[in-house]
Amino acid sequence: MKTNKTHRFIAIFMMFILFFVPNAYALTDPNPAAAAAILIDKDSGYVLYDKNSDEKRYPASTTKIMTALITLENAENLDELVEVTEEDFIGVASDASKAGFMVGEQVPVIDLLYGLMLPSGNEAANTLARHIGGSIENFADMMNKKAKELGCTNTHFVNPNGLHDENHYTTARDLAIITQEALKDETFALIVNTAQKTLSETNMTPMRDGKPLKVYTTNMLIYSRYQPEYYSYAKGVKTGFTSEAGYCLVSTAIYDGSQLISVVLGCERQAGATYANTFEASKTLFRWGFNNFETIDMVAKDETVTEVPVRLSTQQDTLVVVTNGKLKGIMPIDADKSKIERKIDLPESVNAPITQGQKIGTMTVSYNGVEYGSVDLVALNDISMSQVLYVADKIENFFQSNAFRIIVVAVILLFFLYFLFLVLRVRHKKEKRKKMMKSKQARYRDYDKRDR
């Protein structure tokens, strides 16, 4: 009996270690059970793991990540009421996922977003597309335009819900990029990390026995801590399934200052299993990522970087520039930190006056071809300007300026024209005198002839 208790304790302890402590889960290769997968750092886009990430796949309902992003970028008022119409159910089969909205129901945009992202409501997707884009076709154009802006080179959307279409495809990499952008929106991050949500009362609430609609997430990573699929560090995002796409999951997790985005596409559900293996595959990626990579301080705030020559000041000859913020980045634990590259962009010199905190330049940090971000470089202290040096500099600059060169050329040209004028005038006078002399001589000859 005592042995059984001991074994039970050990089993529970091991489950605790694997479940709650990512760094205890060491793998050389996570090899998730997915046709395509990728794991990236949310902030920098650094790719931690890649498996067929550029292979074109059908995204199913993970499409709705882009639908939510387009809605949040273009909706003028998230509390605006939008009426659900029969048109919003066109193409949505009876067994397709729906949020539970009714034809004629007037729903706030924010509730439509919850209905879109939690229960994966296809009618919610169509309603939002019609409201934002005017039509499904126009909204799809907006989705494709946004995908192109984000650099998604292997993505093409036909609808806002992800229901199968041969011309509706994307890749694991592109989905990670889209999710990375969407997570910048706090409302999106809040919605996708919600397990259940009671929506606002609407004009249809009495038809639900007086109770407002309640929606539940399909993402078992965040649904219930009592479920084996639950992952305590997960923060959403979206599931998807069609028979052509297989089971898909885009998710994000935060641990020890790092936030990762995982995408697994083309997963399966084993016979007899309650859920697909998307959740276990995603947990495997997260645990491997958190175990083999670390977030480090790449740039510290107020870090002294260099000095820049100062002009027009007798106070000091150089200015100390420091960082105006800090920058963190995720790297392999065994990475050579000495190979972190810092590209400093500063002018050759700066002119006084300079105020403390004034932006002087920037510093961009990269490693292994991945740009982690940049920080502003600012002045450490004030530097006053010398009026004498300022005036002298203005005079010097004037004599070196194009305006001065133009004036000099103009003066030379005027002098040349004046000289030419004088030459022509002298010549004219000489010719005039010659004519006068010739005229006099002619008169003299006439006089001589008459005298003879």
Protein backbone atom coordinates (compact mmCIF):
# COMPACT_ATOMS: atom_id res chain seq x y z
CA MET A 1 0.00 0.00 0.00
CA LYS A 2 2.84 2.31 0.91
CA THR A 3 4.57 1.47 -2.38
CA ASN A 4 1.45 2.41 -4.37
CA LYS A 5 1.28 5.75 -2.58
CA THR A 6 4.95 6.36 -3.36
CA HIS A 7 4.47 5.55 -7.03
CA ARG A 8 1.42 7.79 -7.14
CA PHE A 9 3.37 10.63 -5.55
CA ILE A 10 6.23 10.21 -8.04
CA ALA A 11 3.78 10.13 -10.95
CA ILE A 12 2.04 13.28 -9.75
CA PHE A 13 5.38 14.99 -9.18
CA MET A 14 6.58 14.15 -12.69
CA MET A 15 3.31 15.40 -14.18
CA PHE A 16 3.77 18.63 -12.25
CA ILE A 17 7.31 19.03 -13.58
CA LEU A 18 6.32 18.40 -17.20
CA PHE A 19 3.12 20.41 -16.96
CA PHE A 20 4.20 23.51 -15.11
CA VAL A 21 7.96 23.81 -15.63
CA PRO A 22 8.86 24.23 -19.31
CA ASN A 23 12.61 24.17 -18.64
CA ALA A 24 12.34 20.64 -17.32
CA TYR A 25 11.11 19.44 -20.72
CA ALA A 26 14.28 18.91 -22.72
CA LEU A 27 14.14 17.79 -26.34
CA THR A 28 16.73 17.83 -29.09
CA ASP A 29 14.00 18.05 -31.75
CA PRO A 30 10.35 18.63 -30.85
CA ASN A 31 9.12 17.07 -34.13
CA PRO A 32 5.45 17.97 -33.56
CA ALA A 33 2.84 15.67 -35.11
CA ALA A 34 1.82 18.18 -37.79
CA ALA A 35 2.19 18.44 -41.54
CA ALA A 36 3.60 21.97 -41.12
CA ALA A 37 4.67 23.93 -38.08
CA ILE A 38 6.60 26.97 -36.96
CA LEU A 39 7.58 28.52 -33.64
CA ILE A 40 8.60 32.19 -33.54
CA ASP A 41 9.37 34.88 -31.01
CA LYS A 42 6.39 37.23 -30.90
CA ASP A 43 8.44 40.43 -30.58
CA SER A 44 11.28 39.92 -33.07
CA GLY A 45 9.89 37.24 -35.37
CA TYR A 46 12.97 35.09 -34.69
CA VAL A 47 12.25 31.55 -35.91
CA LEU A 48 12.96 28.96 -33.24
CA TYR A 49 11.58 25.95 -35.12
CA ASP A 50 10.50 25.32 -38.70
CA LYS A 51 8.80 22.34 -40.30
CA ASN A 52 7.49 22.84 -43.83
CA SER A 53 6.50 26.37 -42.79
CA ASP A 54 6.41 27.67 -46.38
CA GLU A 55 4.26 24.83 -47.69
CA LYS A 56 0.87 26.04 -48.89
CA ARG A 57 -1.90 24.69 -46.66
CA TYR A 58 -5.61 25.25 -46.12
CA PRO A 59 -5.97 27.31 -42.92
CA ALA A 60 -9.60 26.46 -42.01
CA SER A 61 -10.86 28.73 -39.19
CA THR A 62 -7.42 30.11 -38.35
CA THR A 63 -8.41 32.43 -41.20
CA LYS A 64 -10.48 34.28 -38.60
CA ILE A 65 -7.32 35.74 -37.10
CA MET A 66 -7.05 37.94 -40.17
CA THR A 67 -10.80 38.61 -40.08
CA ALA A 68 -10.49 39.90 -36.52
CA LEU A 69 -7.41 41.97 -37.40
CA ILE A 70 -9.13 43.66 -40.36
CA THR A 71 -12.21 44.33 -38.23
CA LEU A 72 -10.25 45.88 -35.37
CA GLU A 73 -8.27 48.08 -37.76
CA ASN A 74 -11.35 49.37 -39.59
CA ALA A 75 -14.25 49.38 -37.11
CA GLU A 76 -15.04 52.92 -36.01
CA ASN A 77 -16.94 51.84 -32.90
CA LEU A 78 -16.73 48.38 -31.32
CA ASP A 79 -20.04 49.03 -29.54
CA GLU A 80 -21.90 49.74 -32.81
CA LEU A 81 -24.85 47.43 -33.34
CA VAL A 82 -24.83 45.28 -36.47
CA GLU A 83 -27.89 43.32 -37.56
CA VAL A 84 -27.37 39.68 -38.50
CA THR A 85 -29.07 38.81 -41.80
CA GLU A 86 -29.99 35.66 -43.70
CA GLU A 87 -27.18 36.55 -46.11
CA ASP A 88 -24.68 35.88 -43.32
CA PHE A 89 -25.66 32.20 -43.25
CA ILE A 90 -25.19 31.59 -46.99
CA GLY A 91 -22.65 28.81 -47.47
CA VAL A 92 -22.62 27.95 -43.77
CA ALA A 93 -23.70 24.32 -43.56
CA SER A 94 -25.87 23.13 -40.72
CA ASP A 95 -22.95 21.22 -39.18
CA ALA A 96 -20.49 24.13 -39.55
CA SER A 97 -19.40 25.98 -36.43
CA LYS A 98 -21.66 28.86 -35.43
CA ALA A 99 -21.69 31.29 -32.52
CA GLY A 100 -25.45 31.14 -32.06
CA PHE A 101 -26.52 34.51 -33.40
CA MET A 102 -30.00 34.77 -34.95
CA VAL A 103 -31.27 36.44 -38.08
CA GLY A 104 -32.50 39.90 -37.12
CA GLU A 105 -30.37 40.03 -33.99
CA GLN A 106 -28.62 43.34 -33.39
CA VAL A 107 -25.17 42.60 -31.99
CA PRO A 108 -22.30 44.93 -30.98
CA VAL A 109 -19.16 44.52 -33.08
CA ILE A 110 -17.18 43.51 -29.99
CA ASP A 111 -19.59 40.63 -29.31
CA LEU A 112 -19.38 39.52 -32.92
CA LEU A 113 -15.61 39.35 -32.44
CA TYR A 114 -16.04 37.15 -29.36
CA GLY A 115 -18.45 34.99 -31.37
CA LEU A 116 -15.89 34.85 -34.15
CA MET A 117 -12.84 33.88 -32.12
CA LEU A 118 -14.19 31.72 -29.25
CA PRO A 119 -16.75 29.31 -30.75
CA SER A 120 -15.46 30.06 -34.28
CA GLY A 121 -18.78 31.36 -35.53
CA ASN A 122 -18.91 31.36 -39.33
CA GLU A 123 -22.01 33.55 -39.35
CA ALA A 124 -20.14 36.04 -37.14
CA ALA A 125 -17.32 36.11 -39.70
CA ASN A 126 -19.73 36.83 -42.53
CA THR A 127 -21.57 39.50 -40.54
CA LEU A 128 -18.34 41.31 -39.73
CA ALA A 129 -17.12 41.05 -43.33
CA ARG A 130 -20.35 42.51 -44.65
CA HIS A 131 -20.28 45.30 -42.03
CA ILE A 132 -16.62 46.26 -42.60
CA GLY A 133 -16.17 45.51 -46.30
CA GLY A 134 -19.69 45.88 -47.66
CA SER A 135 -19.51 42.36 -49.08
CA ILE A 136 -17.60 39.11 -48.67
CA GLU A 137 -15.66 39.82 -51.88
CA ASN A 138 -14.59 43.31 -50.84
CA PHE A 139 -13.60 42.09 -47.39
CA ALA A 140 -11.50 39.30 -48.92
CA ASP A 141 -9.72 41.95 -50.99
CA MET A 142 -8.96 43.83 -47.78
CA MET A 143 -7.58 40.63 -46.24
CA ASN A 144 -5.32 39.98 -49.21
CA LYS A 145 -4.10 43.57 -49.26
CA LYS A 146 -3.20 43.36 -45.57
CA ALA A 147 -1.46 40.01 -46.07
CA LYS A 148 0.67 41.57 -48.82
CA GLU A 149 1.52 44.55 -46.60
CA LEU A 150 2.72 42.15 -43.89
CA GLY A 151 4.93 40.30 -46.34
CA CYS A 152 2.83 37.14 -46.55
CA THR A 153 3.95 35.89 -49.96
CA ASN A 154 2.09 32.56 -50.03
CA THR A 155 -1.35 33.59 -48.82
CA HIS A 156 -4.63 34.15 -50.63
CA PHE A 157 -8.03 34.56 -48.96
CA VAL A 158 -11.42 34.05 -50.59
CA ASN A 159 -13.68 34.33 -47.53
CA PRO A 160 -13.54 35.56 -43.91
CA ASN A 161 -14.34 32.22 -42.25
CA GLY A 162 -11.96 29.65 -43.71
CA LEU A 163 -14.59 27.32 -45.14
CA HIS A 164 -12.84 25.28 -47.81
CA ASP A 165 -12.00 26.78 -51.19
CA GLU A 166 -9.10 25.64 -53.37
CA ASN A 167 -8.03 29.26 -53.84
CA HIS A 168 -8.07 29.94 -50.10
CA TYR A 169 -4.66 29.05 -48.68
CA THR A 170 -1.75 30.20 -46.57
CA THR A 171 1.35 28.83 -44.82
CA ALA A 172 2.44 28.28 -41.23
CA ARG A 173 4.95 31.11 -41.60
CA ASP A 174 2.39 33.55 -42.97
CA LEU A 175 -0.10 32.68 -40.22
CA ALA A 176 2.60 33.36 -37.63
CA ILE A 177 3.27 36.76 -39.22
CA ILE A 178 -0.45 37.62 -39.25
CA THR A 179 -0.81 36.56 -35.61
CA GLN A 180 2.28 38.53 -34.64
CA GLU A 181 0.63 41.65 -36.07
CA ALA A 182 -2.78 40.89 -34.53
CA LEU A 183 -1.32 40.42 -31.04
CA LYS A 184 -0.15 44.03 -31.09
CA ASP A 185 -3.82 44.94 -30.61
CA GLU A 186 -4.75 44.70 -26.92
CA THR A 187 -8.40 43.98 -27.72
CA PHE A 188 -7.43 41.05 -29.93
CA ALA A 189 -5.09 39.67 -27.26
CA LEU A 190 -7.86 39.93 -24.66
CA ILE A 191 -10.49 38.23 -26.83
CA VAL A 192 -8.35 35.27 -27.89
CA ASN A 193 -7.26 34.60 -24.31
CA THR A 194 -10.86 34.37 -23.04
CA ALA A 195 -12.19 30.91 -22.22
CA GLN A 196 -15.85 31.90 -21.98
CA LYS A 197 -17.79 35.10 -22.41
CA THR A 198 -21.34 36.18 -21.62
CA LEU A 199 -22.34 38.55 -24.40
CA SER A 200 -24.52 41.64 -24.14
CA GLU A 201 -28.28 41.41 -24.06
CA THR A 202 -29.81 41.98 -27.46
CA ASN A 203 -33.23 42.32 -29.03
CA MET A 204 -33.25 38.50 -29.26
CA THR A 205 -32.41 37.84 -25.60
CA PRO A 206 -36.06 37.06 -24.65
CA MET A 207 -36.04 34.25 -27.22
CA ARG A 208 -33.25 32.59 -25.24
CA ASP A 209 -35.39 32.31 -22.13
CA GLY A 210 -34.33 35.79 -21.15
CA LYS A 211 -30.63 34.85 -20.99
CA PRO A 212 -27.93 36.53 -23.08
CA LEU A 213 -25.80 34.38 -25.37
CA LYS A 214 -22.78 32.73 -23.75
CA VAL A 215 -19.87 31.55 -25.91
CA TYR A 216 -16.98 29.19 -25.14
CA THR A 217 -13.54 28.85 -26.68
CA THR A 218 -12.58 25.84 -28.76
CA ASN A 219 -8.94 26.29 -27.68
CA MET A 220 -8.36 23.62 -25.05
CA LEU A 221 -4.97 25.12 -24.13
CA ILE A 222 -6.86 27.81 -22.18
CA TYR A 223 -10.30 26.27 -21.66
CA SER A 224 -9.99 24.55 -18.27
CA ARG A 225 -7.07 23.79 -16.00
CA TYR A 226 -8.74 20.49 -15.17
CA GLN A 227 -8.35 19.26 -18.74
CA PRO A 228 -5.12 17.45 -19.76
CA GLU A 229 -4.85 19.68 -22.86
CA TYR A 230 -4.60 22.80 -20.70
CA TYR A 231 -1.30 24.71 -20.71
CA SER A 232 -0.87 27.27 -17.97
CA TYR A 233 1.38 29.58 -20.01
CA ALA A 234 -0.92 29.70 -23.05
CA LYS A 235 -2.66 32.98 -23.98
CA GLY A 236 -4.95 31.95 -26.89
CA VAL A 237 -5.33 32.22 -30.10
CA LYS A 238 -7.43 30.17 -32.61
CA THR A 239 -8.29 26.64 -33.67
CA GLY A 240 -9.42 25.44 -37.09
CA PHE A 241 -10.67 22.33 -38.86
CA THR A 242 -11.97 21.18 -42.20
CA SER A 243 -11.57 17.74 -43.70
CA GLU A 244 -9.26 19.21 -46.35
CA ALA A 245 -7.14 21.26 -43.90
CA GLY A 246 -7.04 18.78 -41.05
CA TYR A 247 -6.80 20.10 -37.51
CA CYS A 248 -5.02 23.45 -37.11
CA LEU A 249 -4.03 25.60 -34.17
CA VAL A 250 -2.35 28.98 -33.85
CA SER A 251 -1.42 29.73 -30.25
CA THR A 252 0.78 31.89 -28.08
CA ALA A 253 2.39 31.39 -24.68
CA ILE A 254 4.38 33.52 -22.24
CA TYR A 255 7.06 32.25 -19.87
CA ASP A 256 9.92 33.96 -18.06
CA GLY A 257 9.68 37.16 -20.13
CA SER A 258 9.42 35.39 -23.51
CA GLN A 259 6.31 35.24 -25.69
CA LEU A 260 6.25 32.66 -28.45
CA ILE A 261 3.79 32.03 -31.29
CA SER A 262 3.18 28.46 -32.43
CA VAL A 263 1.43 27.34 -35.61
CA VAL A 264 0.61 23.69 -36.31
CA LEU A 265 -1.30 22.74 -39.47
CA GLY A 266 -2.56 19.46 -40.87
CA CYS A 267 -2.80 17.61 -37.57
CA GLU A 268 -4.96 14.55 -36.87
CA ARG A 269 -7.19 13.21 -34.15
CA GLN A 270 -6.37 9.70 -33.07
CA ALA A 271 -9.13 7.10 -32.95
CA GLY A 272 -10.94 7.32 -29.63
CA ALA A 273 -9.30 10.63 -28.68
CA THR A 274 -11.52 13.43 -27.44
CA TYR A 275 -9.46 16.16 -29.07
CA ALA A 276 -6.99 16.47 -31.93
CA ASN A 277 -3.27 16.34 -31.28
CA THR A 278 -2.92 20.06 -32.12
CA PHE A 279 -2.85 20.92 -28.43
CA GLU A 280 -0.17 18.40 -27.52
CA ALA A 281 1.88 19.35 -30.59
CA SER A 282 1.70 23.02 -29.57
CA LYS A 283 2.67 22.28 -25.97
CA THR A 284 5.59 20.25 -27.24
CA LEU A 285 6.80 23.21 -29.31
CA PHE A 286 6.39 25.67 -26.44
CA ARG A 287 8.21 23.47 -23.92
CA TRP A 288 11.02 22.86 -26.36
CA GLY A 289 11.27 26.56 -27.14
CA PHE A 290 11.27 27.73 -23.54
CA ASN A 291 13.84 25.04 -22.67
CA ASN A 292 16.30 25.71 -25.49
CA PHE A 293 16.02 29.48 -25.87
CA GLU A 294 16.27 32.38 -23.49
CA THR A 295 15.30 36.03 -23.51
CA ILE A 296 18.23 38.29 -22.76
CA ASP A 297 18.76 42.01 -22.32
CA MET A 298 20.37 43.00 -25.62
CA VAL A 299 20.39 46.72 -24.80
CA ALA A 300 20.10 48.34 -21.38
CA LYS A 301 18.45 51.70 -20.78
CA ASP A 302 20.83 54.67 -20.34
CA GLU A 303 23.71 52.59 -21.67
CA THR A 304 26.64 54.74 -22.84
CA VAL A 305 27.27 54.01 -26.52
CA THR A 306 29.80 56.49 -27.92
CA GLU A 307 30.75 60.16 -28.25
CA VAL A 308 29.97 62.55 -31.09
CA PRO A 309 31.95 65.74 -31.91
CA VAL A 310 30.14 68.96 -31.00
CA ARG A 311 30.28 72.18 -33.00
CA LEU A 312 29.45 75.79 -32.04
CA SER A 313 30.17 75.31 -28.35
CA THR A 314 33.02 76.33 -26.08
CA GLN A 315 31.53 74.26 -23.24
CA GLN A 316 32.74 70.86 -24.52
CA ASP A 317 34.03 69.29 -27.71
CA THR A 318 32.16 65.97 -27.61
CA LEU A 319 28.70 64.74 -26.65
CA VAL A 320 28.08 61.44 -24.87
CA VAL A 321 25.11 59.57 -26.38
CA VAL A 322 23.18 56.94 -24.42
CA THR A 323 20.32 54.56 -25.15
CA ASN A 324 16.83 55.87 -24.53
CA GLY A 325 15.26 52.46 -23.92
CA LYS A 326 15.98 48.80 -23.40
CA LEU A 327 15.68 45.94 -25.87
CA LYS A 328 15.14 42.27 -25.12
CA GLY A 329 15.54 39.39 -27.52
CA ILE A 330 15.25 35.62 -27.57
CA MET A 331 18.29 33.54 -28.54
CA PRO A 332 19.47 29.94 -28.33
CA ILE A 333 20.86 29.27 -24.87
CA ASP A 334 24.20 28.17 -26.36
CA ALA A 335 24.41 31.10 -28.81
CA ASP A 336 27.62 33.11 -29.00
CA LYS A 337 26.47 36.41 -27.49
CA SER A 338 29.60 38.12 -28.80
CA LYS A 339 28.14 37.84 -32.32
CA ILE A 340 25.24 40.14 -31.53
CA GLU A 341 25.56 43.02 -34.00
CA ARG A 342 24.89 46.66 -33.21
CA LYS A 343 24.48 49.04 -36.11
CA ILE A 344 24.86 52.62 -34.94
CA ASP A 345 23.43 55.44 -37.04
CA LEU A 346 24.79 58.81 -35.90
CA PRO A 347 25.78 62.08 -37.64
CA GLU A 348 29.48 62.90 -37.97
CA SER A 349 28.94 65.86 -35.64
CA VAL A 350 26.14 67.77 -33.92
CA ASN A 351 25.59 71.49 -33.49
CA ALA A 352 24.97 73.15 -30.16
CA PRO A 353 22.65 73.95 -28.48
CA ILE A 354 21.77 70.42 -27.35
CA THR A 355 19.28 69.47 -24.67
CA GLN A 356 19.46 66.42 -22.43
CA GLY A 357 17.42 63.56 -23.92
CA GLN A 358 17.47 65.03 -27.44
CA LYS A 359 17.45 62.29 -30.08
CA ILE A 360 20.78 62.12 -31.89
CA GLY A 361 20.53 58.80 -33.74
CA THR A 362 19.50 55.14 -33.51
CA MET A 363 21.04 51.76 -32.80
CA THR A 364 19.71 48.61 -34.48
CA VAL A 365 20.42 45.19 -32.98
CA SER A 366 20.55 41.94 -34.95
CA TYR A 367 21.81 38.39 -34.61
CA ASN A 368 22.27 35.75 -37.27
CA GLY A 369 20.49 37.90 -39.85
CA VAL A 370 17.45 38.59 -37.63
CA GLU A 371 16.75 42.20 -36.67
CA TYR A 372 15.51 42.39 -33.09
CA GLY A 373 14.65 46.08 -33.10
CA SER A 374 16.18 49.49 -32.53
CA VAL A 375 16.49 52.06 -29.77
CA ASP A 376 16.98 55.81 -29.93
CA LEU A 377 20.33 57.28 -28.99
CA VAL A 378 19.97 60.52 -27.03
CA ALA A 379 22.15 63.25 -25.52
CA LEU A 380 23.37 62.61 -21.99
CA ASN A 381 23.46 66.29 -21.02
CA ASP A 382 22.77 69.86 -22.11
CA ILE A 383 25.36 71.75 -24.16
CA SER A 384 25.06 75.49 -24.68
CA MET A 385 25.91 77.35 -27.88
CA SER A 386 28.58 80.04 -28.29
CA GLN A 387 27.15 83.11 -30.06
CA VAL A 388 30.57 84.05 -31.42
CA LEU A 389 31.09 80.60 -32.94
CA TYR A 390 27.53 80.66 -34.22
CA VAL A 391 28.03 83.94 -36.10
CA ALA A 392 31.41 82.82 -37.41
CA ASP A 393 29.87 79.57 -38.57
CA LYS A 394 27.07 81.43 -40.34
CA ILE A 395 29.62 83.60 -42.15
CA GLU A 396 31.72 80.58 -43.06
CA ASN A 397 28.71 78.67 -44.25
CA PHE A 398 27.61 81.66 -46.30
CA PHE A 399 30.93 81.82 -48.11
CA GLN A 400 30.70 78.06 -48.73
CA SER A 401 27.08 78.10 -49.75
CA ASN A 402 25.58 77.86 -53.21
CA ALA A 403 24.01 81.26 -52.71
CA PHE A 404 27.46 82.81 -52.30
CA ARG A 405 28.70 80.97 -55.39
CA ILE A 406 25.71 82.28 -57.35
CA ILE A 407 26.41 85.83 -56.18
CA VAL A 408 30.08 85.54 -57.16
CA VAL A 409 29.15 84.21 -60.59
CA ALA A 410 26.57 86.98 -60.97
CA VAL A 411 29.11 89.65 -60.01
CA ILE A 412 31.68 88.24 -62.43
CA LEU A 413 29.05 88.11 -65.15
CA LEU A 414 27.99 91.68 -64.45
CA PHE A 415 31.62 92.79 -64.44
CA PHE A 416 32.18 91.02 -67.75
CA LEU A 417 29.05 92.61 -69.22
CA TYR A 418 30.14 96.02 -67.95
CA PHE A 419 33.63 95.50 -69.37
CA LEU A 420 32.10 94.39 -72.66
CA PHE A 421 29.88 97.47 -72.57
CA LEU A 422 32.90 99.72 -72.04
CA VAL A 423 34.80 98.02 -74.86
CA LEU A 424 31.88 98.39 -77.21
CA ARG A 425 31.40 101.99 -76.13
CA VAL A 426 35.06 102.86 -76.75
CA ARG A 427 34.92 101.10 -80.09
CA HIS A 428 31.75 102.96 -80.94
CA LYS A 429 33.37 106.26 -80.07
CA LYS A 430 36.42 105.43 -82.15
CA GLU A 431 34.28 104.52 -85.11
CA LYS A 432 32.29 107.71 -84.61
CA ARG A 433 35.49 109.76 -84.54
CA LYS A 434 36.72 107.99 -87.66
CA LYS A 435 33.48 108.84 -89.42
CA MET A 436 33.76 112.44 -88.28
CA MET A 437 37.34 112.61 -89.50
CA LYS A 438 36.40 111.09 -92.81
CA SER A 439 33.54 113.58 -93.10
CA LYS A 440 35.87 116.49 -92.36
CA GLN A 441 38.43 115.24 -94.83
CA ALA A 442 35.72 114.92 -97.45
CA ARG A 443 34.61 118.50 -96.83
CA TYR A 444 38.21 119.69 -97.07
CA ARG A 445 38.59 117.95 -100.42
CA ASP A 446 35.38 119.60 -101.61
CA TYR A 447 36.72 123.00 -100.56
CA ASP A 448 39.98 122.36 -102.36
CA LYS A 449 38.17 121.46 -105.55
CA ARG A 450 36.08 124.62 -105.44
CA ASP A 451 39.18 126.77 -104.83
CA ARG A 452 40.79 125.31 -107.90
